Amino acid sequence: MTRFKTNSICTSGEIGEFCRFSFSRMKKMLLFVLFLSGLPPLSTNILREYHYVNMSKTWAEAQSYCREMFTDLATVRNKADNNRLLSVVHGRGKRAWIGLRDDLTKWKWVLGNAGFSNDTDFSNWSSHKLTNNKVTRICAAMSKYGFWYAHTCWQKHAAVCYYAKAPSRYILVRDLMTWSQARQYCVSKYTDLVSVRNMSENNQITSLLSRRTWIGLHRYYWSPWSNQSPRTFTNWNTGQPYNPDDYRVLCAKVNTTTGTWLAADCEEKHRFVCEKVRIRQKATFKLKFQSEADLKDPAAQRQVLEQLHAKLEKHGLPDFTLHWMQTDGQTFHKEQQTTKEEGSGG
């Protein structure tokens, strides 16, 4: 028997299992053994297709439509995505929703990553409002009177840490730090920055304060996308995002002529852009064959792939494709064998 070796590419494979196949060539049954060696991890490519939908809907209605008919409202991760988006919408003459939304009522407590809503949870905000919504993130500080204020997170204040293991769970740290520095300090020394769930806790913390002090509440502007991925790129039009009427929830639409984004009332009706996401995985691995068949014959190669495909399908692998790769113009190469010569006895 002659040993052959080759490379193959497939989107998903059966790792570490010996597979036996028989194939017929010229009415002669031949048995060979195929095994995989040195299979690397699968590489993953995410293919994002944009689809312009020429129907007028609110942002929420557009989101529902996209999730039913495609994958979601359009996500734009970088400039290349934005250029592809513009190529789809350019010249439509209308503004179109994309999958970005900013709910000003939604925040996060760092302790347990718990969600917070101004509509349903305890809060003690002052009447002061932070109007600079072009920063990435805003953080909450409490005054010595117990009111909460929204600040840019790079400002420096004292902090109140929470310590779950101590009878007195509120620890005042007087050193002035940014919000991120304060959180890092609290996590390293105690449990985390403090959460405030009711007026009783608010009053206990207030009794420690003599100035504005960080608490563990924060939020990111315009994040995440509809598909829950973080926002890493924006293409706002000059002066945007802008909230002249103090809307509590804003959504992003794209100018189909310039490709720039604008903030708008989510109840407006616009065309919209959906995305269809396809995930493609690929792995390259070596196969070794032991067979008397002529594996250089394209028909034999095709039959091997068909049997391998059937075997992988039988084991429940998802949609995939298989094809041979060539090295030095050939798919198969004979494996060099070393024979030991017996020495003569003396």
Protein backbone atom coordinates (compact mmCIF):
# COMPACT_ATOMS: atom_id res chain seq x y z
CA MET A 1 0.00 0.00 0.00
CA THR A 2 1.08 3.54 -0.70
CA ARG A 3 0.81 6.27 1.92
CA PHE A 4 -0.30 9.72 0.87
CA LYS A 5 -0.60 12.95 2.78
CA THR A 6 -2.49 16.15 1.94
CA ASN A 7 -4.01 19.30 3.40
CA SER A 8 -7.68 20.18 3.56
CA ILE A 9 -9.76 23.16 4.61
CA CYS A 10 -13.19 22.91 6.21
CA THR A 11 -15.40 25.21 8.22
CA SER A 12 -15.82 22.73 11.05
CA GLY A 13 -14.30 19.36 11.71
CA GLU A 14 -14.44 16.30 13.87
CA ILE A 15 -11.37 16.42 16.06
CA GLY A 16 -9.42 13.47 17.36
CA GLU A 17 -11.56 10.69 15.89
CA PHE A 18 -10.41 8.01 13.47
CA CYS A 19 -12.80 7.73 10.56
CA ARG A 20 -13.05 4.71 8.27
CA PHE A 21 -14.40 5.04 4.75
CA SER A 22 -14.78 2.66 1.87
CA PHE A 23 -15.13 3.84 -1.69
CA SER A 24 -15.70 2.10 -4.97
CA ARG A 25 -13.57 2.70 -8.00
CA MET A 26 -13.89 0.60 -11.15
CA LYS A 27 -16.20 -1.80 -9.22
CA LYS A 28 -13.38 -2.60 -6.83
CA MET A 29 -13.88 -1.94 -3.11
CA LEU A 30 -10.89 -0.44 -1.36
CA LEU A 31 -10.55 0.30 2.33
CA PHE A 32 -8.44 3.13 3.59
CA VAL A 33 -7.95 4.85 6.91
CA LEU A 34 -8.11 8.61 7.25
CA PHE A 35 -7.01 10.42 10.35
CA LEU A 36 -6.52 14.06 11.28
CA SER A 37 -3.30 15.43 12.74
CA GLY A 38 -2.27 18.85 14.03
CA LEU A 39 -5.75 20.36 13.77
CA PRO A 40 -5.54 24.03 14.82
CA PRO A 41 -8.40 25.99 16.42
CA LEU A 42 -11.13 27.22 14.12
CA SER A 43 -10.71 30.78 12.86
CA THR A 44 -13.91 32.81 12.83
CA ASN A 45 -14.98 35.47 10.32
CA ILE A 46 -18.10 37.55 10.93
CA LEU A 47 -19.72 38.68 7.70
CA ARG A 48 -22.09 41.63 8.10
CA GLU A 49 -24.52 42.41 5.26
CA TYR A 50 -26.52 45.66 5.31
CA HIS A 51 -30.06 45.83 3.91
CA TYR A 52 -31.93 49.10 3.35
CA VAL A 53 -35.65 48.71 4.09
CA ASN A 54 -37.88 51.19 2.27
CA MET A 55 -40.64 51.30 4.88
CA SER A 56 -41.33 54.01 7.47
CA LYS A 57 -41.31 52.78 11.08
CA THR A 58 -40.44 53.99 14.56
CA TRP A 59 -37.08 52.84 15.88
CA ALA A 60 -38.65 50.10 18.02
CA GLU A 61 -40.80 48.89 15.11
CA ALA A 62 -37.73 48.84 12.85
CA GLN A 63 -35.80 46.85 15.44
CA SER A 64 -38.58 44.24 15.65
CA TYR A 65 -38.75 43.97 11.86
CA CYS A 66 -34.99 43.53 11.50
CA ARG A 67 -34.86 40.86 14.20
CA GLU A 68 -37.66 38.94 12.53
CA MET A 69 -36.49 39.23 8.92
CA PHE A 70 -32.69 39.54 9.29
CA THR A 71 -30.49 39.59 12.41
CA ASP A 72 -30.89 43.07 13.94
CA LEU A 73 -30.78 46.79 13.21
CA ALA A 74 -27.46 47.81 11.68
CA THR A 75 -24.36 47.88 13.89
CA VAL A 76 -21.44 50.05 12.71
CA ARG A 77 -18.18 49.00 14.38
CA ASN A 78 -15.64 51.06 12.43
CA LYS A 79 -15.07 53.33 9.44
CA ALA A 80 -15.04 50.41 7.02
CA ASP A 81 -18.49 49.37 8.23
CA ASN A 82 -19.70 52.94 7.89
CA ASN A 83 -18.43 53.12 4.30
CA ARG A 84 -20.26 49.90 3.46
CA LEU A 85 -23.38 51.25 5.14
CA LEU A 86 -23.17 54.43 3.05
CA SER A 87 -22.79 52.38 -0.14
CA VAL A 88 -26.12 50.71 0.68
CA VAL A 89 -28.08 53.83 1.63
CA HIS A 90 -26.43 56.48 -0.59
CA GLY A 91 -28.82 58.36 -2.83
CA ARG A 92 -31.98 57.12 -1.13
CA GLY A 93 -32.86 60.70 -0.24
CA LYS A 94 -34.19 59.78 3.19
CA ARG A 95 -32.77 59.42 6.68
CA ALA A 96 -32.69 55.89 8.03
CA TRP A 97 -32.55 54.34 11.49
CA ILE A 98 -29.48 52.39 12.60
CA GLY A 99 -29.19 50.26 15.75
CA LEU A 100 -27.94 52.89 18.20
CA ARG A 101 -30.11 54.14 21.06
CA ASP A 102 -29.52 56.19 24.21
CA ASP A 103 -31.90 55.75 27.12
CA LEU A 104 -31.03 58.51 29.58
CA THR A 105 -32.94 56.75 32.37
CA LYS A 106 -30.73 53.64 32.33
CA TRP A 107 -27.60 53.41 34.49
CA LYS A 108 -25.52 50.64 36.10
CA TRP A 109 -24.40 49.98 39.65
CA VAL A 110 -20.90 48.47 39.61
CA LEU A 111 -21.68 46.19 42.54
CA GLY A 112 -23.06 43.09 40.83
CA ASN A 113 -23.36 45.01 37.55
CA ALA A 114 -26.95 45.67 38.55
CA GLY A 115 -29.18 47.67 36.24
CA PHE A 116 -30.67 50.96 37.43
CA SER A 117 -33.64 52.90 36.08
CA ASN A 118 -34.68 56.39 37.12
CA ASP A 119 -38.27 55.31 36.49
CA THR A 120 -38.41 52.34 38.88
CA ASP A 121 -35.44 52.44 41.29
CA PHE A 122 -34.64 54.68 44.23
CA SER A 123 -32.74 57.83 43.29
CA ASN A 124 -31.99 61.21 44.82
CA TRP A 125 -30.87 63.32 41.89
CA SER A 126 -30.43 67.06 42.20
CA SER A 127 -32.03 69.31 39.62
CA HIS A 128 -28.59 69.87 38.05
CA LYS A 129 -28.16 68.10 34.70
CA LEU A 130 -25.03 67.24 32.83
CA THR A 131 -25.48 68.59 29.31
CA ASN A 132 -22.20 67.40 27.80
CA ASN A 133 -23.44 64.21 26.16
CA LYS A 134 -20.40 64.01 23.88
CA VAL A 135 -18.34 62.31 26.58
CA THR A 136 -18.21 58.52 26.55
CA ARG A 137 -19.31 57.88 30.11
CA ILE A 138 -20.78 59.78 33.05
CA CYS A 139 -20.56 58.85 36.72
CA ALA A 140 -22.52 59.75 39.85
CA ALA A 141 -21.28 61.63 42.92
CA MET A 142 -23.18 62.34 46.13
CA SER A 143 -23.04 65.74 47.85
CA LYS A 144 -22.80 66.33 51.59
CA TYR A 145 -26.55 67.00 51.50
CA GLY A 146 -27.26 63.56 50.00
CA PHE A 147 -28.16 64.68 46.48
CA TRP A 148 -26.75 62.88 43.46
CA TYR A 149 -24.94 64.67 40.61
CA ALA A 150 -23.84 63.46 37.19
CA HIS A 151 -20.19 64.24 36.49
CA THR A 152 -17.69 63.47 33.80
CA CYS A 153 -15.81 60.48 35.19
CA TRP A 154 -12.34 62.00 34.88
CA GLN A 155 -13.08 64.64 37.56
CA LYS A 156 -11.49 63.97 40.94
CA HIS A 157 -13.50 63.40 44.12
CA ALA A 158 -13.36 61.43 47.34
CA ALA A 159 -15.13 58.04 47.30
CA VAL A 160 -17.28 55.78 49.43
CA CYS A 161 -16.37 52.09 49.26
CA TYR A 162 -18.57 49.18 50.28
CA TYR A 163 -17.02 46.47 52.46
CA ALA A 164 -19.17 43.34 52.69
CA LYS A 165 -17.04 41.71 55.43
CA ALA A 166 -17.14 44.52 57.99
CA PRO A 167 -19.92 45.54 60.44
CA SER A 168 -19.51 49.13 59.24
CA ARG A 169 -19.87 48.57 55.52
CA TYR A 170 -19.40 52.14 54.28
CA ILE A 171 -15.78 53.27 54.06
CA LEU A 172 -14.98 56.90 53.25
CA VAL A 173 -11.80 57.39 51.19
CA ARG A 174 -10.77 61.04 51.35
CA ASP A 175 -8.09 60.92 48.63
CA LEU A 176 -9.18 62.69 45.44
CA MET A 177 -9.38 60.30 42.49
CA THR A 178 -11.11 59.89 39.17
CA TRP A 179 -14.11 57.56 39.23
CA SER A 180 -12.12 54.71 37.64
CA GLN A 181 -9.25 55.18 40.11
CA ALA A 182 -11.72 55.23 42.99
CA ARG A 183 -13.33 52.02 41.81
CA GLN A 184 -9.97 50.31 41.39
CA TYR A 185 -9.03 51.35 44.92
CA CYS A 186 -12.29 50.07 46.42
CA VAL A 187 -12.02 46.73 44.63
CA SER A 188 -8.41 46.24 45.73
CA LYS A 189 -9.00 47.18 49.41
CA TYR A 190 -12.66 46.37 50.05
CA THR A 191 -15.53 45.07 47.86
CA ASP A 192 -16.43 47.85 45.39
CA LEU A 193 -17.79 51.38 45.15
CA VAL A 194 -20.98 51.73 47.15
CA SER A 195 -24.52 51.17 45.88
CA VAL A 196 -27.48 53.12 47.29
CA ARG A 197 -30.81 51.27 47.29
CA ASN A 198 -33.06 53.36 49.55
CA MET A 199 -33.25 56.58 51.56
CA SER A 200 -32.00 54.90 54.73
CA GLU A 201 -28.75 53.89 52.99
CA ASN A 202 -28.56 57.33 51.37
CA ASN A 203 -28.75 58.98 54.81
CA GLN A 204 -26.09 56.67 56.30
CA ILE A 205 -23.66 57.53 53.51
CA THR A 206 -24.50 61.25 53.67
CA SER A 207 -23.49 61.32 57.36
CA LEU A 208 -19.90 60.50 56.29
CA LEU A 209 -19.55 63.24 53.69
CA SER A 210 -18.20 66.77 53.71
CA ARG A 211 -17.97 67.23 49.94
CA ARG A 212 -19.07 65.56 46.69
CA THR A 213 -17.99 61.95 46.71
CA TRP A 214 -18.07 59.16 44.12
CA ILE A 215 -20.65 56.36 44.41
CA GLY A 216 -20.82 53.28 42.20
CA LEU A 217 -23.33 54.48 39.62
CA HIS A 218 -22.34 55.12 36.00
CA ARG A 219 -23.58 54.94 32.44
CA TYR A 220 -22.18 54.99 28.91
CA TYR A 221 -23.68 57.41 26.42
CA TRP A 222 -25.04 55.80 23.27
CA SER A 223 -24.13 52.26 24.17
CA PRO A 224 -24.65 49.40 23.58
CA TRP A 225 -25.89 48.73 20.05
CA SER A 226 -29.20 46.99 19.47
CA ASN A 227 -27.35 43.65 19.34
CA GLN A 228 -25.82 44.48 22.78
CA SER A 229 -22.27 44.92 21.46
CA PRO A 230 -20.37 47.92 22.90
CA ARG A 231 -20.10 51.11 20.88
CA THR A 232 -16.55 51.58 19.60
CA PHE A 233 -17.12 53.99 16.70
CA THR A 234 -19.32 57.01 15.89
CA ASN A 235 -19.83 59.24 12.87
CA TRP A 236 -21.95 62.07 14.28
CA ASN A 237 -22.80 65.06 12.15
CA THR A 238 -21.45 68.45 13.31
CA GLY A 239 -23.19 69.52 16.52
CA GLN A 240 -24.55 66.03 17.17
CA PRO A 241 -25.73 64.25 19.21
CA TYR A 242 -28.08 67.03 20.25
CA ASN A 243 -31.12 66.86 22.55
CA PRO A 244 -32.91 70.23 22.30
CA ASP A 245 -36.24 69.02 23.69
CA ASP A 246 -34.77 67.07 26.62
CA TYR A 247 -35.95 63.68 25.36
CA ARG A 248 -35.38 60.81 27.80
CA VAL A 249 -34.71 58.35 24.98
CA LEU A 250 -32.94 59.17 21.71
CA CYS A 251 -32.15 57.04 18.67
CA ALA A 252 -29.63 57.42 15.87
CA LYS A 253 -30.44 57.85 12.20
CA VAL A 254 -28.04 58.09 9.27
CA ASN A 255 -28.07 60.82 6.63
CA THR A 256 -28.24 58.75 3.44
CA THR A 257 -26.39 61.44 1.48
CA THR A 258 -23.42 62.14 3.77
CA GLY A 259 -23.30 59.00 5.92
CA THR A 260 -23.21 61.08 9.11
CA TRP A 261 -25.43 60.31 12.10
CA LEU A 262 -28.07 62.41 13.86
CA ALA A 263 -29.94 61.97 17.14
CA ALA A 264 -33.74 61.95 16.92
CA ASP A 265 -36.91 61.20 18.83
CA CYS A 266 -37.33 57.42 18.61
CA GLU A 267 -41.04 57.83 17.84
CA GLU A 268 -40.29 59.50 14.52
CA LYS A 269 -40.88 57.28 11.50
CA HIS A 270 -38.03 56.65 9.08
CA ARG A 271 -36.69 54.06 6.68
CA PHE A 272 -34.08 51.86 8.30
CA VAL A 273 -31.07 49.61 7.75
CA CYS A 274 -30.99 46.00 8.93
CA GLU A 275 -28.00 43.71 9.15
CA LYS A 276 -27.66 40.03 8.36
CA VAL A 277 -24.76 38.48 10.26
CA ARG A 278 -23.16 35.29 9.06
CA ILE A 279 -20.46 33.53 11.04
CA ARG A 280 -17.92 31.56 9.04
CA GLN A 281 -15.37 29.30 10.72
CA LYS A 282 -12.39 27.78 8.98
CA ALA A 283 -9.69 25.27 9.91
CA THR A 284 -6.81 23.79 7.95
CA PHE A 285 -5.60 20.30 8.78
CA LYS A 286 -3.55 17.45 7.35
CA LEU A 287 -4.97 14.11 6.26
CA LYS A 288 -3.07 10.85 5.83
CA PHE A 289 -4.34 8.08 3.58
CA GLN A 290 -3.28 4.48 3.17
CA SER A 291 -4.75 3.20 -0.07
CA GLU A 292 -4.06 1.33 -3.31
CA ALA A 293 -6.31 3.75 -5.21
CA ASP A 294 -4.92 6.47 -7.45
CA LEU A 295 -5.58 9.45 -5.19
CA LYS A 296 -4.35 11.82 -7.88
CA ASP A 297 -7.51 10.99 -9.83
CA PRO A 298 -9.98 13.95 -9.45
CA ALA A 299 -12.89 11.50 -9.31
CA ALA A 300 -11.30 9.67 -6.37
CA GLN A 301 -10.59 12.97 -4.59
CA ARG A 302 -14.18 14.07 -5.10
CA GLN A 303 -15.48 10.77 -3.72
CA VAL A 304 -13.29 11.09 -0.64
CA LEU A 305 -14.70 14.56 0.06
CA GLU A 306 -18.25 13.29 -0.40
CA GLN A 307 -17.72 10.50 2.12
CA LEU A 308 -16.01 12.81 4.59
CA HIS A 309 -18.87 15.31 4.24
CA ALA A 310 -21.44 12.56 4.89
CA LYS A 311 -19.52 11.40 7.95
CA LEU A 312 -19.37 14.87 9.48
CA GLU A 313 -23.06 15.50 8.74
CA LYS A 314 -23.93 12.22 10.46
CA HIS A 315 -22.21 13.50 13.59
CA GLY A 316 -24.42 16.59 13.63
CA LEU A 317 -21.98 19.28 12.56
CA PRO A 318 -23.57 22.51 11.24
CA ASP A 319 -23.40 23.81 7.70
CA PHE A 320 -19.86 23.54 6.34
CA THR A 321 -17.85 23.13 3.14
CA LEU A 322 -14.78 21.04 2.35
CA HIS A 323 -12.18 21.42 -0.34
CA TRP A 324 -8.62 20.33 -1.05
CA MET A 325 -5.58 22.58 -0.94
CA GLN A 326 -2.62 22.16 -3.25
CA THR A 327 1.07 22.34 -2.40
CA ASP A 328 3.59 22.54 -5.24
CA GLY A 329 0.73 22.08 -7.68
CA GLN A 330 -0.43 18.78 -6.19
CA THR A 331 -3.09 17.77 -3.71
CA PHE A 332 -1.50 14.49 -2.57
CA HIS A 333 2.16 13.71 -1.94
CA LYS A 334 3.68 10.32 -1.36
CA GLU A 335 5.08 9.95 2.11
CA GLN A 336 8.75 9.07 2.23
CA GLN A 337 9.35 5.81 4.04
CA THR A 338 12.62 4.79 5.67
CA THR A 339 13.53 1.12 5.50
CA LYS A 340 16.05 -0.46 7.80
CA GLU A 341 18.57 -2.78 6.22
CA GLU A 342 19.56 -5.79 8.23
CA GLY A 343 23.22 -5.99 8.98
CA SER A 344 25.17 -9.18 8.18
CA GLY A 345 26.22 -11.34 11.08
CA GLY A 346 29.90 -12.06 11.59
